[in-house]
PDB file of N, CA and C in Angstrom:
ATOM      1  N   MET A   1     -20.930  -9.088 -71.883  1.00  0.00           N
ATOM      2  CA  MET A   1     -20.974  -7.804 -71.237  1.00  0.00           C
ATOM      3  C   MET A   1     -22.396  -7.564 -70.732  1.00  0.00           C
ATOM      4  N   ILE A   2     -22.470  -6.988 -69.551  1.00  0.00           N
ATOM      5  CA  ILE A   2     -23.756  -6.638 -68.958  1.00  0.00           C
ATOM      6  C   ILE A   2     -23.763  -5.125 -68.795  1.00  0.00           C
ATOM      7  N   ILE A   3     -24.859  -4.507 -69.201  1.00  0.00           N
ATOM      8  CA  ILE A   3     -24.939  -3.052 -69.186  1.00  0.00           C
ATOM      9  C   ILE A   3     -26.147  -2.611 -68.358  1.00  0.00           C
ATOM     10  N   ALA A   4     -25.928  -1.629 -67.476  1.00  0.00           N
ATOM     11  CA  ALA A   4     -27.022  -1.005 -66.732  1.00  0.00           C
ATOM     12  C   ALA A   4     -27.365   0.303 -67.441  1.00  0.00           C
ATOM     13  N   VAL A   5     -28.659   0.508 -67.652  1.00  0.00           N
ATOM     14  CA  VAL A   5     -29.121   1.681 -68.394  1.00  0.00           C
ATOM     15  C   VAL A   5     -30.183   2.410 -67.574  1.00  0.00           C
ATOM     16  N   ASN A   6     -30.146   3.739 -67.632  1.00  0.00           N
ATOM     17  CA  ASN A   6     -31.174   4.573 -67.019  1.00  0.00           C
ATOM     18  C   ASN A   6     -31.571   5.643 -68.040  1.00  0.00           C
ATOM     19  N   LYS A   7     -32.808   5.606 -68.476  1.00  0.00           N
ATOM     20  CA  LYS A   7     -33.308   6.580 -69.452  1.00  0.00           C
ATOM     21  C   LYS A   7     -32.409   6.667 -70.680  1.00  0.00           C
ATOM     22  N   ASP A   8     -32.114   5.536 -71.268  1.00  0.00           N
ATOM     23  CA  ASP A   8     -31.297   5.431 -72.481  1.00  0.00           C
ATOM     24  C   ASP A   8     -29.838   5.837 -72.299  1.00  0.00           C
ATOM     25  N   LYS A   9     -29.384   5.994 -71.069  1.00  0.00           N
ATOM     26  CA  LYS A   9     -27.987   6.332 -70.793  1.00  0.00           C
ATOM     27  C   LYS A   9     -27.320   5.150 -70.090  1.00  0.00           C
ATOM     28  N   ILE A  10     -26.160   4.759 -70.595  1.00  0.00           N
ATOM     29  CA  ILE A  10     -25.404   3.690 -69.938  1.00  0.00           C
ATOM     30  C   ILE A  10     -24.838   4.241 -68.636  1.00  0.00           C
ATOM     31  N   ILE A  11     -25.174   3.572 -67.526  1.00  0.00           N
ATOM     32  CA  ILE A  11     -24.703   4.034 -66.221  1.00  0.00           C
ATOM     33  C   ILE A  11     -23.784   3.018 -65.540  1.00  0.00           C
ATOM     34  N   GLY A  12     -23.672   1.817 -66.103  1.00  0.00           N
ATOM     35  CA  GLY A  12     -22.796   0.809 -65.531  1.00  0.00           C
ATOM     36  C   GLY A  12     -22.490  -0.298 -66.527  1.00  0.00           C
ATOM     37  N   VAL A  13     -21.302  -0.889 -66.367  1.00  0.00           N
ATOM     38  CA  VAL A  13     -20.864  -1.961 -67.256  1.00  0.00           C
ATOM     39  C   VAL A  13     -20.115  -3.008 -66.449  1.00  0.00           C
ATOM     40  N   LEU A  14     -20.396  -4.264 -66.743  1.00  0.00           N
ATOM     41  CA  LEU A  14     -19.633  -5.387 -66.207  1.00  0.00           C
ATOM     42  C   LEU A  14     -19.200  -6.222 -67.409  1.00  0.00           C
ATOM     43  N   SER A  15     -17.890  -6.386 -67.569  1.00  0.00           N
ATOM     44  CA  SER A  15     -17.390  -7.247 -68.646  1.00  0.00           C
ATOM     45  C   SER A  15     -16.562  -8.361 -68.026  1.00  0.00           C
ATOM     46  N   PHE A  16     -16.382  -9.436 -68.790  1.00  0.00           N
ATOM     47  CA  PHE A  16     -15.740 -10.629 -68.225  1.00  0.00           C
ATOM     48  C   PHE A  16     -15.014 -11.420 -69.298  1.00  0.00           C
ATOM     49  N   GLU A  17     -14.112 -12.276 -68.827  1.00  0.00           N
ATOM     50  CA  GLU A  17     -13.377 -13.231 -69.677  1.00  0.00           C
ATOM     51  C   GLU A  17     -13.743 -14.632 -69.216  1.00  0.00           C
ATOM     52  N   GLU A  18     -13.876 -15.531 -70.155  1.00  0.00           N
ATOM     53  CA  GLU A  18     -14.230 -16.915 -69.853  1.00  0.00           C
ATOM     54  C   GLU A  18     -13.013 -17.819 -69.981  1.00  0.00           C
ATOM     55  N   TYR A  19     -12.841 -18.695 -69.008  1.00  0.00           N
ATOM     56  CA  TYR A  19     -11.793 -19.713 -68.995  1.00  0.00           C
ATOM     57  C   TYR A  19     -12.477 -21.064 -68.801  1.00  0.00           C
ATOM     58  N   PRO A  20     -11.747 -22.181 -68.879  1.00  0.00           N
ATOM     59  CA  PRO A  20     -12.424 -23.484 -68.837  1.00  0.00           C
ATOM     60  C   PRO A  20     -13.441 -23.670 -67.697  1.00  0.00           C
ATOM     61  N   TRP A  21     -13.089 -23.374 -66.451  1.00  0.00           N
ATOM     62  CA  TRP A  21     -14.026 -23.582 -65.337  1.00  0.00           C
ATOM     63  C   TRP A  21     -14.205 -22.333 -64.492  1.00  0.00           C
ATOM     64  N   THR A  22     -13.577 -21.263 -64.928  1.00  0.00           N
ATOM     65  CA  THR A  22     -13.602 -20.009 -64.181  1.00  0.00           C
ATOM     66  C   THR A  22     -14.006 -18.880 -65.114  1.00  0.00           C
ATOM     67  N   ILE A  23     -14.692 -17.916 -64.563  1.00  0.00           N
ATOM     68  CA  ILE A  23     -15.005 -16.706 -65.311  1.00  0.00           C
ATOM     69  C   ILE A  23     -14.468 -15.538 -64.489  1.00  0.00           C
ATOM     70  N   GLU A  24     -13.820 -14.598 -65.158  1.00  0.00           N
ATOM     71  CA  GLU A  24     -13.163 -13.503 -64.455  1.00  0.00           C
ATOM     72  C   GLU A  24     -13.772 -12.167 -64.868  1.00  0.00           C
ATOM     73  N   ILE A  25     -14.147 -11.382 -63.871  1.00  0.00           N
ATOM     74  CA  ILE A  25     -14.649 -10.038 -64.141  1.00  0.00           C
ATOM     75  C   ILE A  25     -13.463  -9.174 -64.527  1.00  0.00           C
ATOM     76  N   ASP A  26     -13.531  -8.608 -65.726  1.00  0.00           N
ATOM     77  CA  ASP A  26     -12.488  -7.702 -66.225  1.00  0.00           C
ATOM     78  C   ASP A  26     -12.736  -6.280 -65.759  1.00  0.00           C
ATOM     79  N   THR A  27     -13.975  -5.852 -65.936  1.00  0.00           N
ATOM     80  CA  THR A  27     -14.327  -4.469 -65.663  1.00  0.00           C
ATOM     81  C   THR A  27     -15.671  -4.414 -64.956  1.00  0.00           C
ATOM     82  N   LEU A  28     -15.730  -3.621 -63.928  1.00  0.00           N
ATOM     83  CA  LEU A  28     -16.999  -3.281 -63.287  1.00  0.00           C
ATOM     84  C   LEU A  28     -16.911  -1.789 -62.986  1.00  0.00           C
ATOM     85  N   ILE A  29     -17.697  -1.021 -63.698  1.00  0.00           N
ATOM     86  CA  ILE A  29     -17.644   0.430 -63.527  1.00  0.00           C
ATOM     87  C   ILE A  29     -19.056   0.996 -63.544  1.00  0.00           C
ATOM     88  N   VAL A  30     -19.273   1.962 -62.662  1.00  0.00           N
ATOM     89  CA  VAL A  30     -20.561   2.652 -62.576  1.00  0.00           C
ATOM     90  C   VAL A  30     -20.283   4.143 -62.700  1.00  0.00           C
ATOM     91  N   ASP A  31     -21.096   4.815 -63.502  1.00  0.00           N
ATOM     92  CA  ASP A  31     -20.984   6.267 -63.667  1.00  0.00           C
ATOM     93  C   ASP A  31     -20.944   6.922 -62.287  1.00  0.00           C
ATOM     94  N   ILE A  32     -20.056   7.877 -62.116  1.00  0.00           N
ATOM     95  CA  ILE A  32     -19.843   8.511 -60.810  1.00  0.00           C
ATOM     96  C   ILE A  32     -21.131   9.099 -60.223  1.00  0.00           C
ATOM     97  N   LYS A  33     -22.041   9.553 -61.065  1.00  0.00           N
ATOM     98  CA  LYS A  33     -23.306  10.120 -60.593  1.00  0.00           C
ATOM     99  C   LYS A  33     -24.240   9.068 -59.999  1.00  0.00           C
ATOM    100  N   TYR A  34     -23.975   7.797 -60.310  1.00  0.00           N
ATOM    101  CA  TYR A  34     -24.860   6.714 -59.873  1.00  0.00           C
ATOM    102  C   TYR A  34     -24.206   5.788 -58.845  1.00  0.00           C
ATOM    103  N   ARG A  35     -23.025   6.132 -58.374  1.00  0.00           N
ATOM    104  CA  ARG A  35     -22.343   5.288 -57.387  1.00  0.00           C
ATOM    105  C   ARG A  35     -23.033   5.373 -56.038  1.00  0.00           C
ATOM    106  N   ASN A  36     -22.862   4.303 -55.251  1.00  0.00           N
ATOM    107  CA  ASN A  36     -23.464   4.185 -53.909  1.00  0.00           C
ATOM    108  C   ASN A  36     -24.991   4.170 -53.961  1.00  0.00           C
ATOM    109  N   LYS A  37     -25.524   3.676 -55.070  1.00  0.00           N
ATOM    110  CA  LYS A  37     -26.973   3.536 -55.225  1.00  0.00           C
ATOM    111  C   LYS A  37     -27.365   2.080 -55.500  1.00  0.00           C
ATOM    112  N   GLY A  38     -26.395   1.157 -55.356  1.00  0.00           N
ATOM    113  CA  GLY A  38     -26.688  -0.258 -55.545  1.00  0.00           C
ATOM    114  C   GLY A  38     -26.561  -0.760 -56.972  1.00  0.00           C
ATOM    115  N   ILE A  39     -26.146   0.074 -57.901  1.00  0.00           N
ATOM    116  CA  ILE A  39     -26.048  -0.340 -59.309  1.00  0.00           C
ATOM    117  C   ILE A  39     -24.988  -1.432 -59.475  1.00  0.00           C
ATOM    118  N   GLY A  40     -23.814  -1.241 -58.887  1.00  0.00           N
ATOM    119  CA  GLY A  40     -22.749  -2.251 -58.974  1.00  0.00           C
ATOM    120  C   GLY A  40     -23.190  -3.582 -58.398  1.00  0.00           C
ATOM    121  N   SER A  41     -23.853  -3.547 -57.253  1.00  0.00           N
ATOM    122  CA  SER A  41     -24.348  -4.786 -56.634  1.00  0.00           C
ATOM    123  C   SER A  41     -25.396  -5.461 -57.504  1.00  0.00           C
ATOM    124  N   LYS A  42     -26.250  -4.673 -58.140  1.00  0.00           N
ATOM    125  CA  LYS A  42     -27.254  -5.256 -59.039  1.00  0.00           C
ATOM    126  C   LYS A  42     -26.593  -5.913 -60.243  1.00  0.00           C
ATOM    127  N   LEU A  43     -25.556  -5.289 -60.785  1.00  0.00           N
ATOM    128  CA  LEU A  43     -24.822  -5.896 -61.901  1.00  0.00           C
ATOM    129  C   LEU A  43     -24.194  -7.220 -61.468  1.00  0.00           C
ATOM    130  N   ILE A  44     -23.567  -7.236 -60.293  1.00  0.00           N
ATOM    131  CA  ILE A  44     -22.941  -8.466 -59.770  1.00  0.00           C
ATOM    132  C   ILE A  44     -23.989  -9.553 -59.561  1.00  0.00           C
ATOM    133  N   LYS A  45     -25.105  -9.226 -58.929  1.00  0.00           N
ATOM    134  CA  LYS A  45     -26.147 -10.227 -58.648  1.00  0.00           C
ATOM    135  C   LYS A  45     -26.725 -10.796 -59.945  1.00  0.00           C
ATOM    136  N   TYR A  46     -26.975  -9.940 -60.917  1.00  0.00           N
ATOM    137  CA  TYR A  46     -27.481 -10.394 -62.209  1.00  0.00           C
ATOM    138  C   TYR A  46     -26.469 -11.343 -62.856  1.00  0.00           C
ATOM    139  N   PHE A  47     -25.208 -10.953 -62.825  1.00  0.00           N
ATOM    140  CA  PHE A  47     -24.124 -11.759 -63.385  1.00  0.00           C
ATOM    141  C   PHE A  47     -24.053 -13.126 -62.696  1.00  0.00           C
ATOM    142  N   ILE A  48     -24.079 -13.155 -61.386  1.00  0.00           N
ATOM    143  CA  ILE A  48     -24.010 -14.413 -60.627  1.00  0.00           C
ATOM    144  C   ILE A  48     -25.172 -15.324 -61.004  1.00  0.00           C
ATOM    145  N   ASN A  49     -26.370 -14.785 -61.076  1.00  0.00           N
ATOM    146  CA  ASN A  49     -27.536 -15.603 -61.439  1.00  0.00           C
ATOM    147  C   ASN A  49     -27.403 -16.200 -62.832  1.00  0.00           C
ATOM    148  N   LYS A  50     -26.838 -15.447 -63.769  1.00  0.00           N
ATOM    149  CA  LYS A  50     -26.599 -15.980 -65.117  1.00  0.00           C
ATOM    150  C   LYS A  50     -25.534 -17.079 -65.086  1.00  0.00           C
ATOM    151  N   ILE A  51     -24.474 -16.867 -64.322  1.00  0.00           N
ATOM    152  CA  ILE A  51     -23.364 -17.822 -64.265  1.00  0.00           C
ATOM    153  C   ILE A  51     -23.801 -19.131 -63.615  1.00  0.00           C
ATOM    154  N   LYS A  52     -24.721 -19.090 -62.687  1.00  0.00           N
ATOM    155  CA  LYS A  52     -25.204 -20.312 -62.019  1.00  0.00           C
ATOM    156  C   LYS A  52     -25.818 -21.298 -63.012  1.00  0.00           C
ATOM    157  N   LYS A  53     -26.223 -20.821 -64.169  1.00  0.00           N
ATOM    158  CA  LYS A  53     -26.849 -21.672 -65.189  1.00  0.00           C
ATOM    159  C   LYS A  53     -25.826 -22.214 -66.186  1.00  0.00           C
ATOM    160  N   THR A  54     -24.549 -21.995 -65.924  1.00  0.00           N
ATOM    161  CA  THR A  54     -23.495 -22.404 -66.848  1.00  0.00           C
ATOM    162  C   THR A  54     -22.598 -23.460 -66.210  1.00  0.00           C
ATOM    163  N   LYS A  55     -21.529 -23.811 -66.915  1.00  0.00           N
ATOM    164  CA  LYS A  55     -20.564 -24.800 -66.439  1.00  0.00           C
ATOM    165  C   LYS A  55     -19.572 -24.236 -65.435  1.00  0.00           C
ATOM    166  N   TYR A  56     -19.519 -22.907 -65.316  1.00  0.00           N
ATOM    167  CA  TYR A  56     -18.469 -22.287 -64.507  1.00  0.00           C
ATOM    168  C   TYR A  56     -18.635 -22.593 -63.027  1.00  0.00           C
ATOM    169  N   GLN A  57     -17.509 -22.842 -62.388  1.00  0.00           N
ATOM    170  CA  GLN A  57     -17.509 -23.215 -60.976  1.00  0.00           C
ATOM    171  C   GLN A  57     -17.037 -22.089 -60.068  1.00  0.00           C
ATOM    172  N   GLU A  58     -16.475 -21.050 -60.669  1.00  0.00           N
ATOM    173  CA  GLU A  58     -15.890 -19.992 -59.858  1.00  0.00           C
ATOM    174  C   GLU A  58     -15.888 -18.665 -60.631  1.00  0.00           C
ATOM    175  N   ILE A  59     -16.099 -17.581 -59.888  1.00  0.00           N
ATOM    176  CA  ILE A  59     -15.954 -16.228 -60.430  1.00  0.00           C
ATOM    177  C   ILE A  59     -14.757 -15.609 -59.723  1.00  0.00           C
ATOM    178  N   ARG A  60     -13.910 -14.952 -60.496  1.00  0.00           N
ATOM    179  CA  ARG A  60     -12.723 -14.303 -59.934  1.00  0.00           C
ATOM    180  C   ARG A  60     -12.690 -12.850 -60.371  1.00  0.00           C
ATOM    181  N   VAL A  61     -12.058 -12.020 -59.554  1.00  0.00           N
ATOM    182  CA  VAL A  61     -11.847 -10.619 -59.907  1.00  0.00           C
ATOM    183  C   VAL A  61     -10.610 -10.126 -59.169  1.00  0.00           C
ATOM    184  N   GLY A  62      -9.807  -9.351 -59.873  1.00  0.00           N
ATOM    185  CA  GLY A  62      -8.631  -8.736 -59.267  1.00  0.00           C
ATOM    186  C   GLY A  62      -8.747  -7.228 -59.367  1.00  0.00           C
ATOM    187  N   THR A  63      -8.224  -6.524 -58.378  1.00  0.00           N
ATOM    188  CA  THR A  63      -8.310  -5.070 -58.391  1.00  0.00           C
ATOM    189  C   THR A  63      -7.138  -4.460 -57.640  1.00  0.00           C
ATOM    190  N   TYR A  64      -6.785  -3.266 -58.047  1.00  0.00           N
ATOM    191  CA  TYR A  64      -5.758  -2.526 -57.322  1.00  0.00           C
ATOM    192  C   TYR A  64      -6.349  -1.963 -56.039  1.00  0.00           C
ATOM    193  N   LYS A  65      -5.554  -1.939 -54.992  1.00  0.00           N
ATOM    194  CA  LYS A  65      -6.022  -1.438 -53.701  1.00  0.00           C
ATOM    195  C   LYS A  65      -6.389   0.039 -53.736  1.00  0.00           C
ATOM    196  N   CYS A  66      -5.809   0.796 -54.653  1.00  0.00           N
ATOM    197  CA  CYS A  66      -6.120   2.227 -54.723  1.00  0.00           C
ATOM    198  C   CYS A  66      -7.596   2.477 -55.036  1.00  0.00           C
ATOM    199  N   TYR A  67      -8.303   1.471 -55.580  1.00  0.00           N
ATOM    200  CA  TYR A  67      -9.722   1.635 -55.868  1.00  0.00           C
ATOM    201  C   TYR A  67     -10.596   1.449 -54.636  1.00  0.00           C
ATOM    202  N   ASP A  68     -10.028   0.939 -53.554  1.00  0.00           N
ATOM    203  CA  ASP A  68     -10.726   0.806 -52.276  1.00  0.00           C
ATOM    204  C   ASP A  68     -12.098   0.136 -52.406  1.00  0.00           C
ATOM    205  N   CYS A  69     -12.122  -1.022 -53.048  1.00  0.00           N
ATOM    206  CA  CYS A  69     -13.395  -1.719 -53.260  1.00  0.00           C
ATOM    207  C   CYS A  69     -13.465  -3.046 -52.501  1.00  0.00           C
ATOM    208  N   LYS A  70     -12.584  -3.245 -51.555  1.00  0.00           N
ATOM    209  CA  LYS A  70     -12.568  -4.486 -50.771  1.00  0.00           C
ATOM    210  C   LYS A  70     -13.942  -4.766 -50.156  1.00  0.00           C
ATOM    211  N   GLY A  71     -14.507  -3.779 -49.475  1.00  0.00           N
ATOM    212  CA  GLY A  71     -15.815  -3.957 -48.839  1.00  0.00           C
ATOM    213  C   GLY A  71     -16.908  -4.288 -49.828  1.00  0.00           C
ATOM    214  N   PHE A  72     -16.860  -3.682 -50.997  1.00  0.00           N
ATOM    215  CA  PHE A  72     -17.864  -3.941 -52.027  1.00  0.00           C
ATOM    216  C   PHE A  72     -17.882  -5.423 -52.395  1.00  0.00           C
ATOM    217  N   TYR A  73     -16.718  -5.982 -52.707  1.00  0.00           N
ATOM    218  CA  TYR A  73     -16.680  -7.390 -53.124  1.00  0.00           C
ATOM    219  C   TYR A  73     -17.008  -8.334 -51.969  1.00  0.00           C
ATOM    220  N   LEU A  74     -16.524  -8.031 -50.776  1.00  0.00           N
ATOM    221  CA  LEU A  74     -16.854  -8.872 -49.616  1.00  0.00           C
ATOM    222  C   LEU A  74     -18.358  -8.837 -49.341  1.00  0.00           C
ATOM    223  N   ASN A  75     -18.974  -7.667 -49.435  1.00  0.00           N
ATOM    224  CA  ASN A  75     -20.421  -7.539 -49.215  1.00  0.00           C
ATOM    225  C   ASN A  75     -21.246  -8.221 -50.292  1.00  0.00           C
ATOM    226  N   ASN A  76     -20.637  -8.483 -51.439  1.00  0.00           N
ATOM    227  CA  ASN A  76     -21.344  -9.152 -52.531  1.00  0.00           C
ATOM    228  C   ASN A  76     -21.003 -10.633 -52.637  1.00  0.00           C
ATOM    229  N   GLY A  77     -20.447 -11.201 -51.565  1.00  0.00           N
ATOM    230  CA  GLY A  77     -20.272 -12.647 -51.489  1.00  0.00           C
ATOM    231  C   GLY A  77     -18.922 -13.192 -51.908  1.00  0.00           C
ATOM    232  N   PHE A  78     -17.989 -12.332 -52.252  1.00  0.00           N
ATOM    233  CA  PHE A  78     -16.652 -12.793 -52.623  1.00  0.00           C
ATOM    234  C   PHE A  78     -15.803 -12.949 -51.374  1.00  0.00           C
ATOM    235  N   GLU A  79     -14.761 -13.739 -51.493  1.00  0.00           N
ATOM    236  CA  GLU A  79     -13.773 -13.862 -50.423  1.00  0.00           C
ATOM    237  C   GLU A  79     -12.407 -13.506 -50.989  1.00  0.00           C
ATOM    238  N   ILE A  80     -11.529 -13.053 -50.128  1.00  0.00           N
ATOM    239  CA  ILE A  80     -10.181 -12.696 -50.576  1.00  0.00           C
ATOM    240  C   ILE A  80      -9.404 -13.975 -50.834  1.00  0.00           C
ATOM    241  N   ASP A  81      -8.841 -14.064 -52.031  1.00  0.00           N
ATOM    242  CA  ASP A  81      -8.022 -15.212 -52.405  1.00  0.00           C
ATOM    243  C   ASP A  81      -6.537 -14.872 -52.312  1.00  0.00           C
ATOM    244  N   ASN A  82      -6.207 -13.606 -52.541  1.00  0.00           N
ATOM    245  CA  ASN A  82      -4.817 -13.174 -52.459  1.00  0.00           C
ATOM    246  C   ASN A  82      -4.791 -11.694 -52.089  1.00  0.00           C
ATOM    247  N   ASP A  83      -3.939 -11.356 -51.146  1.00  0.00           N
ATOM    248  CA  ASP A  83      -3.798  -9.982 -50.676  1.00  0.00           C
ATOM    249  C   ASP A  83      -2.328  -9.611 -50.773  1.00  0.00           C
ATOM    250  N   SER A  84      -1.974  -8.889 -51.831  1.00  0.00           N
ATOM    251  CA  SER A  84      -0.579  -8.494 -52.010  1.00  0.00           C
ATOM    252  C   SER A  84      -0.421  -7.013 -51.655  1.00  0.00           C
ATOM    253  N   LYS A  85       0.761  -6.502 -51.848  1.00  0.00           N
ATOM    254  CA  LYS A  85       1.039  -5.119 -51.480  1.00  0.00           C
ATOM    255  C   LYS A  85       0.106  -4.127 -52.192  1.00  0.00           C
ATOM    256  N   ASP A  86      -0.117  -4.322 -53.479  1.00  0.00           N
ATOM    257  CA  ASP A  86      -0.882  -3.360 -54.275  1.00  0.00           C
ATOM    258  C   ASP A  86      -2.228  -3.857 -54.780  1.00  0.00           C
ATOM    259  N   THR A  87      -2.490  -5.157 -54.671  1.00  0.00           N
ATOM    260  CA  THR A  87      -3.713  -5.700 -55.268  1.00  0.00           C
ATOM    261  C   THR A  87      -4.445  -6.651 -54.330  1.00  0.00           C
ATOM    262  N   TRP A  88      -5.729  -6.810 -54.610  1.00  0.00           N
ATOM    263  CA  TRP A  88      -6.544  -7.860 -54.009  1.00  0.00           C
ATOM    264  C   TRP A  88      -7.026  -8.756 -55.129  1.00  0.00           C
ATOM    265  N   GLU A  89      -7.119 -10.044 -54.843  1.00  0.00           N
ATOM    266  CA  GLU A  89      -7.782 -10.983 -55.741  1.00  0.00           C
ATOM    267  C   GLU A  89      -8.901 -11.620 -54.945  1.00  0.00           C
ATOM    268  N   PHE A  90     -10.082 -11.615 -55.533  1.00  0.00           N
ATOM    269  CA  PHE A  90     -11.271 -12.167 -54.887  1.00  0.00           C
ATOM    270  C   PHE A  90     -11.773 -13.358 -55.689  1.00  0.00           C
ATOM    271  N   LYS A  91     -12.459 -14.250 -55.009  1.00  0.00           N
ATOM    272  CA  LYS A  91     -13.108 -15.363 -55.711  1.00  0.00           C
ATOM    273  C   LYS A  91     -14.430 -15.681 -55.066  1.00  0.00           C
ATOM    274  N   MET A  92     -15.278 -16.332 -55.847  1.00  0.00           N
ATOM    275  CA  MET A  92     -16.565 -16.810 -55.359  1.00  0.00           C
ATOM    276  C   MET A  92     -16.824 -18.168 -56.006  1.00  0.00           C
ATOM    277  N   ARG A  93     -17.041 -19.171 -55.174  1.00  0.00           N
ATOM    278  CA  ARG A  93     -17.437 -20.484 -55.686  1.00  0.00           C
ATOM    279  C   ARG A  93     -18.908 -20.429 -56.047  1.00  0.00           C
ATOM    280  N   ILE A  94     -19.269 -21.053 -57.150  1.00  0.00           N
ATOM    281  CA  ILE A  94     -20.649 -21.065 -57.624  1.00  0.00           C
ATOM    282  C   ILE A  94     -21.366 -22.267 -57.015  1.00  0.00           C
ATOM    283  N   ASN A  95     -22.399 -21.962 -56.249  1.00  0.00           N
ATOM    284  CA  ASN A  95     -23.242 -23.015 -55.657  1.00  0.00           C
ATOM    285  C   ASN A  95     -24.526 -23.088 -56.468  1.00  0.00           C
ATOM    286  N   ARG A  96     -24.824 -24.266 -56.931  1.00  0.00           N
ATOM    287  CA  ARG A  96     -26.041 -24.447 -57.739  1.00  0.00           C
ATOM    288  C   ARG A  96     -27.116 -25.087 -56.921  1.00  0.00           C
TER     289      ARG A  96
END
């Protein structure tokens, strides 16, 4: 788990599950008061840099379309792997 903190207050969290060659983001949430300030992108970038030092070859994340975060993941280097009626699945290959 990766936690973003501001003045001793947790303002963002990124959690993940590990699989043999893939790591999947379970949760990425930023306190509503801190959204659109780059906190989510900083969590993703920090996470990617850590993952580049591991065996993992791919990062995956799935989300419901009602969260309207397609642009966020595309802007952070992910590509759409699956686009269904209600969900998006994104992936990013790890380049070392």
